[in-house]
């Protein structure tokens, strides 16, 4: 009996170690030790979450639905209030026309990063990414490989940051009395791009009352140290909000999480194009993902003008098998009748399905061609590999959707024959 219990104990220990290896604990690293101490000095107490290498955060206990994942005191949050209480505050209040809350936060991040060891926010700044993979940071050759709707948005994002930089030069120059170095070298385009991406990818939504020293743009940003280590999963549900009673930003889970597994939160029901545009990553088997087909793809095919916009989407739900859904966008009566199962003429149904199948096949061939281009570029331009891997993942996910859609369309066509 003792021998048997010994074997069971060893098995349990092995299982415990295997579970823990899902994420490599990195809370012993100096930057995380300093961050936890810095947070503790600001009132944060937490013994549940552990930073883990490449997997975000691991727990050391079982999370049940409704449990509090994290509660971050207001003093730990970086908001426009933080900026106004810093040495930048006096300059912001005097500057006309008023700057946007977003620019104020960008300016603060750049200034604090430049301050280095002298910055009270250094423990947080040290764990922030040095570079980002938002489309605004991608090279022209990589942006050209994106799907057309995303390519357009990526170019708009890049132009928006460029315009923000151009329009902010006078304000940055006005800060010269605060710095020994020339502000032109501190507040350069690269620094603004980094600060903008930091806010865009890591901020939490927190509405603040309007202040006259800022423009009329919504003041809804808050950077949340440690909380922003939590990664996204489309398959979890959470409740996140600022608790006025505890004066803390709290996240509660509506999903169970097993011991030592990574803790995820959900940024919202975003498709992969939105995730890449706003956060710089792609989710595999994303139940919200779709392949978008604009009006330009429809014209020239039989039945043109019957619908002006359509998507092919794969939906991974609670059903045992994956199901493909075709989402008609707009007011196309033809698509509505066919795709929702209403009665329609055999001719119209056959024509619409044939059009959808041709568009789907065209997009499959185009996506496969782009994937070949990406493979070639990865061999020729190793410096772009990280960004190319990201676009390759997006295109591969699109291809899975299109191939599944083509299969369903073929079955529908056979059923109507």
Protein backbone atom coordinates (compact mmCIF):
# COMPACT_ATOMS: atom_id res chain seq x y z
CA UNK A 1 0.00 0.00 0.00
CA UNK A 2 2.78 2.40 0.84
CA UNK A 3 4.45 1.61 -2.47
CA UNK A 4 1.24 2.35 -4.33
CA UNK A 5 0.74 5.66 -2.55
CA UNK A 6 4.33 6.58 -3.34
CA UNK A 7 3.74 6.02 -7.06
CA UNK A 8 0.53 8.07 -6.88
CA UNK A 9 2.36 10.88 -5.11
CA UNK A 10 5.09 10.90 -7.76
CA UNK A 11 2.46 10.95 -10.51
CA UNK A 12 0.74 13.88 -8.86
CA UNK A 13 4.01 15.75 -8.53
CA UNK A 14 4.83 15.08 -12.19
CA UNK A 15 1.37 16.25 -13.22
CA UNK A 16 1.82 19.40 -11.12
CA UNK A 17 5.13 20.14 -12.84
CA UNK A 18 3.69 19.42 -16.29
CA UNK A 19 0.80 21.79 -15.62
CA UNK A 20 3.15 24.52 -14.45
CA UNK A 21 5.29 24.16 -17.57
CA UNK A 22 2.34 25.46 -19.58
CA UNK A 23 3.82 28.85 -18.71
CA UNK A 24 7.37 29.53 -17.52
CA UNK A 25 7.14 31.57 -14.34
CA UNK A 26 9.13 34.78 -14.76
CA UNK A 27 8.11 36.60 -11.56
CA UNK A 28 11.72 36.16 -10.35
CA UNK A 29 12.95 38.50 -13.09
CA UNK A 30 14.21 41.82 -11.82
CA UNK A 31 11.85 43.95 -13.92
CA UNK A 32 8.79 42.13 -12.53
CA UNK A 33 10.10 42.21 -8.96
CA UNK A 34 10.53 45.98 -9.27
CA UNK A 35 7.09 46.35 -10.88
CA UNK A 36 5.37 44.40 -8.08
CA UNK A 37 7.18 46.46 -5.42
CA UNK A 38 6.24 49.68 -7.23
CA UNK A 39 2.60 48.58 -7.41
CA UNK A 40 2.59 47.54 -3.74
CA UNK A 41 3.81 51.01 -2.77
CA UNK A 42 0.72 52.35 -4.55
CA UNK A 43 -1.70 50.10 -2.70
CA UNK A 44 -1.86 47.05 -4.98
CA UNK A 45 -2.01 43.69 -3.22
CA UNK A 46 -2.16 40.50 -5.25
CA UNK A 47 -0.94 36.97 -4.64
CA UNK A 48 -2.94 35.19 -7.32
CA UNK A 49 -1.41 36.19 -10.65
CA UNK A 50 2.10 35.29 -11.71
CA UNK A 51 3.77 36.66 -14.86
CA UNK A 52 4.65 33.78 -17.18
CA UNK A 53 6.96 33.79 -20.18
CA UNK A 54 5.15 33.86 -23.55
CA UNK A 55 1.81 32.92 -21.99
CA UNK A 56 0.97 36.12 -20.14
CA UNK A 57 -0.14 35.36 -16.59
CA UNK A 58 -0.47 32.08 -14.75
CA UNK A 59 -2.57 31.53 -11.62
CA UNK A 60 -1.63 29.59 -8.53
CA UNK A 61 -5.23 28.71 -7.67
CA UNK A 62 -8.49 27.76 -9.37
CA UNK A 63 -10.57 30.62 -10.73
CA UNK A 64 -14.33 30.14 -10.65
CA UNK A 65 -16.89 32.14 -12.63
CA UNK A 66 -17.53 35.45 -10.86
CA UNK A 67 -14.12 35.53 -9.16
CA UNK A 68 -12.08 38.72 -9.12
CA UNK A 69 -9.06 38.38 -11.41
CA UNK A 70 -7.41 41.67 -10.53
CA UNK A 71 -8.19 44.90 -8.68
CA UNK A 72 -5.86 47.76 -9.53
CA UNK A 73 -6.01 50.86 -7.29
CA UNK A 74 -6.57 54.25 -8.92
CA UNK A 75 -3.06 55.35 -7.87
CA UNK A 76 -1.61 52.68 -10.18
CA UNK A 77 -3.45 53.93 -13.26
CA UNK A 78 -1.83 56.30 -15.73
CA UNK A 79 -4.41 58.84 -16.91
CA UNK A 80 -4.59 62.47 -18.04
CA UNK A 81 -4.87 63.29 -14.33
CA UNK A 82 -1.41 61.77 -13.90
CA UNK A 83 -0.10 63.99 -16.69
CA UNK A 84 -1.61 67.15 -15.22
CA UNK A 85 -0.02 66.46 -11.82
CA UNK A 86 3.42 66.12 -13.43
CA UNK A 87 5.79 68.87 -14.52
CA UNK A 88 4.03 68.84 -17.90
CA UNK A 89 0.77 70.00 -16.29
CA UNK A 90 1.53 73.73 -16.21
CA UNK A 91 2.53 73.76 -19.88
CA UNK A 92 -0.55 71.79 -20.91
CA UNK A 93 -2.90 74.19 -19.13
CA UNK A 94 -1.35 77.23 -20.83
CA UNK A 95 -1.04 75.82 -24.35
CA UNK A 96 -3.57 76.98 -26.95
CA UNK A 97 -5.31 75.47 -28.77
CA UNK A 98 -5.73 72.68 -26.19
CA UNK A 99 -4.08 69.36 -26.98
CA UNK A 100 -6.05 66.11 -27.10
CA UNK A 101 -6.05 63.71 -24.12
CA UNK A 102 -4.30 61.20 -26.38
CA UNK A 103 -1.45 63.60 -27.20
CA UNK A 104 -1.09 64.50 -23.53
CA UNK A 105 -0.58 60.84 -22.65
CA UNK A 106 1.81 60.31 -25.56
CA UNK A 107 3.86 63.31 -24.44
CA UNK A 108 4.00 62.02 -20.87
CA UNK A 109 5.18 58.55 -21.94
CA UNK A 110 7.93 60.02 -24.16
CA UNK A 111 9.08 62.40 -21.41
CA UNK A 112 9.13 59.68 -18.73
CA UNK A 113 10.96 57.24 -20.98
CA UNK A 114 13.55 59.94 -21.69
CA UNK A 115 13.92 60.61 -17.95
CA UNK A 116 15.15 57.03 -17.45
CA UNK A 117 16.19 56.31 -13.85
CA UNK A 118 14.69 59.61 -12.68
CA UNK A 119 11.17 58.64 -13.77
CA UNK A 120 8.82 57.45 -11.00
CA UNK A 121 7.15 55.33 -13.69
CA UNK A 122 10.35 53.50 -14.68
CA UNK A 123 9.27 50.08 -13.25
CA UNK A 124 6.25 50.17 -15.56
CA UNK A 125 8.11 51.57 -18.56
CA UNK A 126 10.71 48.78 -18.25
CA UNK A 127 8.12 46.05 -18.92
CA UNK A 128 6.50 47.81 -21.89
CA UNK A 129 7.35 46.48 -25.38
CA UNK A 130 10.18 48.30 -27.13
CA UNK A 131 8.53 47.76 -30.52
CA UNK A 132 5.02 47.02 -31.75
CA UNK A 133 3.44 45.11 -34.62
CA UNK A 134 0.51 47.42 -35.33
CA UNK A 135 0.04 48.08 -39.07
CA UNK A 136 1.30 51.63 -38.47
CA UNK A 137 4.71 50.12 -37.67
CA UNK A 138 4.85 47.78 -40.66
CA UNK A 139 7.05 48.34 -43.69
CA UNK A 140 5.43 49.31 -47.00
CA UNK A 141 6.21 45.87 -48.50
CA UNK A 142 4.40 44.16 -45.63
CA UNK A 143 1.36 46.46 -45.67
CA UNK A 144 0.90 45.63 -49.38
CA UNK A 145 0.35 41.98 -48.42
CA UNK A 146 -2.64 42.76 -46.19
CA UNK A 147 -6.22 42.17 -47.39
CA UNK A 148 -7.45 45.27 -49.21
CA UNK A 149 -9.87 46.53 -46.50
CA UNK A 150 -7.16 46.19 -43.84
CA UNK A 151 -4.48 47.63 -46.11
CA UNK A 152 -6.54 50.80 -46.49
CA UNK A 153 -7.07 51.10 -42.73
CA UNK A 154 -3.36 50.46 -42.09
CA UNK A 155 -2.40 53.28 -44.45
CA UNK A 156 -4.94 55.56 -42.73
CA UNK A 157 -3.50 54.63 -39.33
CA UNK A 158 0.03 55.44 -40.47
CA UNK A 159 -1.10 58.76 -41.98
CA UNK A 160 -2.98 59.65 -38.80
CA UNK A 161 0.16 59.26 -36.67
CA UNK A 162 2.16 61.25 -39.20
CA UNK A 163 -0.40 64.07 -39.06
CA UNK A 164 -0.42 63.96 -35.25
CA UNK A 165 3.35 64.36 -35.27
CA UNK A 166 3.27 67.21 -37.79
CA UNK A 167 0.57 69.11 -35.90
CA UNK A 168 2.28 68.60 -32.51
CA UNK A 169 5.73 69.96 -33.34
CA UNK A 170 4.97 73.45 -32.02
CA UNK A 171 3.64 72.04 -28.75
CA UNK A 172 6.69 69.81 -28.33
CA UNK A 173 8.95 72.83 -28.92
CA UNK A 174 7.12 74.74 -26.18
CA UNK A 175 8.35 72.13 -23.68
CA UNK A 176 12.00 73.06 -24.24
CA UNK A 177 12.38 74.79 -20.82
CA UNK A 178 11.80 71.39 -19.18
CA UNK A 179 14.67 69.63 -20.96
CA UNK A 180 18.43 70.10 -21.29
CA UNK A 181 18.41 68.31 -24.66
CA UNK A 182 16.74 69.63 -27.77
CA UNK A 183 13.07 68.62 -27.79
CA UNK A 184 13.38 67.81 -31.48
CA UNK A 185 15.57 64.82 -30.63
CA UNK A 186 13.39 63.71 -27.69
CA UNK A 187 9.96 64.05 -29.29
CA UNK A 188 10.82 62.58 -32.67
CA UNK A 189 8.51 60.56 -34.92
CA UNK A 190 9.79 57.19 -33.69
CA UNK A 191 9.12 58.19 -30.07
CA UNK A 192 5.58 59.37 -30.87
CA UNK A 193 4.82 56.20 -32.84
CA UNK A 194 5.95 54.08 -29.86
CA UNK A 195 3.87 56.12 -27.39
CA UNK A 196 0.80 56.06 -29.64
CA UNK A 197 1.04 52.27 -30.07
CA UNK A 198 1.52 51.81 -26.32
CA UNK A 199 -1.73 53.63 -25.63
CA UNK A 200 -3.67 52.16 -28.53
CA UNK A 201 -2.75 48.55 -27.74
CA UNK A 202 -2.70 48.59 -23.93
CA UNK A 203 -5.18 51.19 -22.70
CA UNK A 204 -8.36 50.29 -20.82
CA UNK A 205 -11.60 52.23 -21.28
CA UNK A 206 -12.20 54.63 -18.41
CA UNK A 207 -14.28 57.75 -18.95
CA UNK A 208 -12.99 60.95 -17.34
CA UNK A 209 -14.80 64.29 -16.98
CA UNK A 210 -13.85 66.87 -19.59
CA UNK A 211 -11.21 69.42 -18.61
CA UNK A 212 -10.91 72.76 -20.38
CA UNK A 213 -7.16 72.30 -20.79
CA UNK A 214 -7.87 69.45 -23.24
CA UNK A 215 -9.60 69.41 -26.61
CA UNK A 216 -13.13 68.06 -26.96
CA UNK A 217 -11.96 64.59 -27.95
CA UNK A 218 -13.17 61.92 -25.48
CA UNK A 219 -10.91 61.42 -22.48
CA UNK A 220 -11.35 57.66 -22.06
CA UNK A 221 -7.81 56.34 -21.69
CA UNK A 222 -6.08 54.68 -18.75
CA UNK A 223 -2.91 52.61 -18.80
CA UNK A 224 -3.05 49.83 -16.21
CA UNK A 225 0.34 48.39 -15.17
CA UNK A 226 0.34 44.61 -14.56
CA UNK A 227 -3.28 44.32 -15.67
CA UNK A 228 -2.12 44.90 -19.23
CA UNK A 229 -0.07 41.69 -19.09
CA UNK A 230 -3.34 39.77 -19.46
CA UNK A 231 -3.75 38.44 -22.98
CA UNK A 232 -6.86 38.24 -25.17
CA UNK A 233 -8.97 35.20 -25.92
CA UNK A 234 -12.25 35.39 -27.85
CA UNK A 235 -13.51 32.37 -25.90
CA UNK A 236 -13.70 33.89 -22.42
CA UNK A 237 -16.11 36.34 -20.84
CA UNK A 238 -15.16 38.98 -18.30
CA UNK A 239 -16.65 42.04 -16.62
CA UNK A 240 -14.31 45.02 -16.44
CA UNK A 241 -15.06 48.43 -14.92
CA UNK A 242 -13.85 51.05 -12.47
CA UNK A 243 -15.34 50.44 -9.02
CA UNK A 244 -16.28 53.81 -7.52
CA UNK A 245 -16.54 52.32 -4.01
CA UNK A 246 -13.09 50.72 -3.91
CA UNK A 247 -11.57 53.32 -6.29
CA UNK A 248 -10.03 50.45 -8.24
CA UNK A 249 -10.27 49.08 -11.76
CA UNK A 250 -11.58 45.54 -11.43
CA UNK A 251 -11.86 42.56 -13.76
CA UNK A 252 -14.08 39.60 -12.90
CA UNK A 253 -14.23 36.40 -14.89
CA UNK A 254 -17.41 34.77 -16.15
CA UNK A 255 -15.40 31.69 -17.17
CA UNK A 256 -13.62 29.06 -15.11
CA UNK A 257 -9.83 28.88 -15.26
CA UNK A 258 -7.91 25.81 -14.09
CA UNK A 259 -4.94 25.92 -11.77
CA UNK A 260 -1.66 27.01 -13.43
CA UNK A 261 -3.31 27.78 -16.77
CA UNK A 262 -2.98 31.16 -18.40
CA UNK A 263 -5.60 33.71 -17.42
CA UNK A 264 -7.22 35.40 -20.40
CA UNK A 265 -9.49 38.38 -20.76
CA UNK A 266 -11.54 39.38 -23.79
CA UNK A 267 -10.89 42.71 -25.51
CA UNK A 268 -14.21 42.42 -27.33
CA UNK A 269 -15.84 40.40 -30.14
CA UNK A 270 -13.27 41.51 -32.72
CA UNK A 271 -12.38 39.78 -35.97
CA UNK A 272 -8.72 39.19 -36.84
CA UNK A 273 -8.43 42.27 -39.03
CA UNK A 274 -9.58 44.45 -36.14
CA UNK A 275 -7.26 42.65 -33.70
CA UNK A 276 -4.29 43.21 -35.98
CA UNK A 277 -5.19 46.83 -36.66
CA UNK A 278 -5.75 47.82 -33.02
CA UNK A 279 -3.57 45.42 -31.05
CA UNK A 280 -0.98 43.99 -33.44
CA UNK A 281 -1.84 40.28 -33.19
CA UNK A 282 -4.04 37.60 -34.75
CA UNK A 283 -6.12 34.96 -32.91
CA UNK A 284 -6.24 31.42 -34.29
CA UNK A 285 -9.71 29.92 -34.86
CA UNK A 286 -11.27 33.24 -33.94
CA UNK A 287 -15.08 32.74 -33.86
CA UNK A 288 -15.59 36.39 -34.83
CA UNK A 289 -13.39 36.34 -37.92
CA UNK A 290 -14.67 36.96 -41.43
CA UNK A 291 -13.27 37.51 -44.89
CA UNK A 292 -14.69 40.75 -46.24
CA UNK A 293 -15.87 41.14 -49.81
CA UNK A 294 -16.43 44.70 -50.98
CA UNK A 295 -18.62 45.85 -53.85
CA UNK A 296 -15.66 45.86 -56.22
CA UNK A 297 -15.45 42.08 -56.03
CA UNK A 298 -19.14 41.67 -56.90
CA UNK A 299 -19.22 43.68 -60.12
CA UNK A 300 -18.45 41.62 -63.20
CA UNK A 301 -19.91 38.45 -61.74
CA UNK A 302 -23.37 37.14 -62.75
CA UNK A 303 -26.09 38.86 -60.74
CA UNK A 304 -24.07 42.01 -60.14
CA UNK A 305 -26.02 44.65 -58.29
CA UNK A 306 -28.06 42.08 -56.34
CA UNK A 307 -25.90 42.62 -53.29
CA UNK A 308 -23.38 45.32 -52.58
CA UNK A 309 -21.40 43.79 -49.74
CA UNK A 310 -20.95 40.29 -48.32
CA UNK A 311 -18.63 38.41 -46.00
CA UNK A 312 -17.57 34.81 -45.66
CA UNK A 313 -17.27 33.89 -42.01
CA UNK A 314 -16.47 30.84 -39.93
CA UNK A 315 -18.28 30.52 -36.62
CA UNK A 316 -16.92 28.35 -33.84
CA UNK A 317 -19.68 27.99 -31.31
CA UNK A 318 -20.86 25.51 -28.71
CA UNK A 319 -21.97 23.04 -31.37
CA UNK A 320 -19.98 19.83 -31.76
CA UNK A 321 -18.89 20.77 -35.28
CA UNK A 322 -17.73 24.06 -36.74
CA UNK A 323 -20.31 25.80 -38.87
CA UNK A 324 -19.87 28.36 -41.60
CA UNK A 325 -22.16 31.36 -41.73
CA UNK A 326 -22.57 33.76 -44.61
CA UNK A 327 -23.33 37.23 -43.37
CA UNK A 328 -25.16 39.46 -45.85
CA UNK A 329 -24.41 43.12 -45.13
CA UNK A 330 -26.72 45.76 -46.54
CA UNK A 331 -30.27 45.33 -47.74
CA UNK A 332 -29.83 42.72 -50.47
CA UNK A 333 -33.17 40.94 -50.63
CA UNK A 334 -31.74 38.17 -52.81
CA UNK A 335 -28.97 37.25 -50.38
CA UNK A 336 -31.35 37.46 -47.44
CA UNK A 337 -33.82 35.04 -48.99
CA UNK A 338 -31.17 32.53 -50.02
CA UNK A 339 -28.88 32.63 -47.01
CA UNK A 340 -31.68 32.70 -44.45
CA UNK A 341 -33.54 29.87 -46.13
CA UNK A 342 -36.54 31.81 -47.44
CA UNK A 343 -38.35 30.80 -50.58
CA UNK A 344 -36.90 32.24 -53.79
CA UNK A 345 -36.87 31.32 -57.46
CA UNK A 346 -34.60 28.44 -58.45
CA UNK A 347 -32.90 30.64 -61.04
CA UNK A 348 -32.07 33.42 -58.57
CA UNK A 349 -30.88 30.94 -55.97
CA UNK A 350 -28.63 29.15 -58.45
CA UNK A 351 -27.28 32.45 -59.76
CA UNK A 352 -26.47 33.81 -56.30
CA UNK A 353 -24.78 30.61 -55.15
CA UNK A 354 -22.76 30.50 -58.37
CA UNK A 355 -21.64 34.12 -57.83
CA UNK A 356 -20.67 33.40 -54.22
CA UNK A 357 -18.72 30.29 -55.26
CA UNK A 358 -16.80 32.21 -57.95
CA UNK A 359 -15.93 35.04 -55.56
CA UNK A 360 -14.86 32.53 -52.93
CA UNK A 361 -12.63 30.63 -55.37
CA UNK A 362 -11.12 33.88 -56.63
CA UNK A 363 -10.27 34.91 -53.06
CA UNK A 364 -8.80 31.46 -52.31
CA UNK A 365 -6.45 31.76 -55.29
CA UNK A 366 -5.53 35.34 -54.37
CA UNK A 367 -4.81 34.34 -50.75
CA UNK A 368 -2.68 31.38 -51.82
CA UNK A 369 -0.73 33.68 -54.15
CA UNK A 370 -0.08 36.14 -51.30
CA UNK A 371 1.08 33.29 -49.03
CA UNK A 372 3.63 32.33 -51.70
CA UNK A 373 4.80 35.94 -51.86
CA UNK A 374 5.21 35.98 -48.08
CA UNK A 375 7.30 32.77 -48.17
CA UNK A 376 9.59 34.32 -50.77
CA UNK A 377 9.95 37.59 -48.82
CA UNK A 378 10.78 35.69 -45.62
CA UNK A 379 13.73 34.14 -47.45
CA UNK A 380 14.87 37.43 -48.97
CA UNK A 381 14.21 39.82 -46.07
CA UNK A 382 14.98 38.19 -42.74
CA UNK A 383 14.67 41.54 -40.96
CA UNK A 384 10.92 41.54 -41.78
CA UNK A 385 10.31 37.96 -40.58
CA UNK A 386 8.36 38.89 -37.44
CA UNK A 387 5.97 41.14 -39.35
CA UNK A 388 5.69 38.69 -42.25
CA UNK A 389 4.86 35.87 -39.83
CA UNK A 390 1.98 37.95 -38.52
CA UNK A 391 0.54 38.66 -41.98
CA UNK A 392 1.07 35.01 -42.92
CA UNK A 393 -0.99 33.97 -39.90
CA UNK A 394 -3.78 36.38 -40.85
CA UNK A 395 -3.84 35.15 -44.44
CA UNK A 396 -3.72 31.49 -43.33
CA UNK A 397 -6.73 32.04 -41.07
CA UNK A 398 -8.53 33.69 -44.01
CA UNK A 399 -7.70 30.71 -46.22
CA UNK A 400 -9.23 28.29 -43.70
CA UNK A 401 -12.43 30.35 -43.71
CA UNK A 402 -12.57 30.53 -47.50
CA UNK A 403 -11.88 26.83 -48.02
CA UNK A 404 -14.57 25.86 -45.53
CA UNK A 405 -16.94 28.35 -47.16
CA UNK A 406 -16.22 26.88 -50.61
CA UNK A 407 -17.00 23.42 -49.28
CA UNK A 408 -20.35 24.55 -47.87
CA UNK A 409 -21.21 26.43 -51.06
CA UNK A 410 -20.48 23.29 -53.09
CA UNK A 411 -22.82 21.27 -50.86
CA UNK A 412 -25.52 23.93 -51.18
CA UNK A 413 -25.14 23.89 -54.94
CA UNK A 414 -25.51 20.10 -55.04
CA UNK A 415 -28.58 20.31 -52.81
CA UNK A 416 -30.30 22.75 -55.19
CA UNK A 417 -29.35 20.82 -58.35
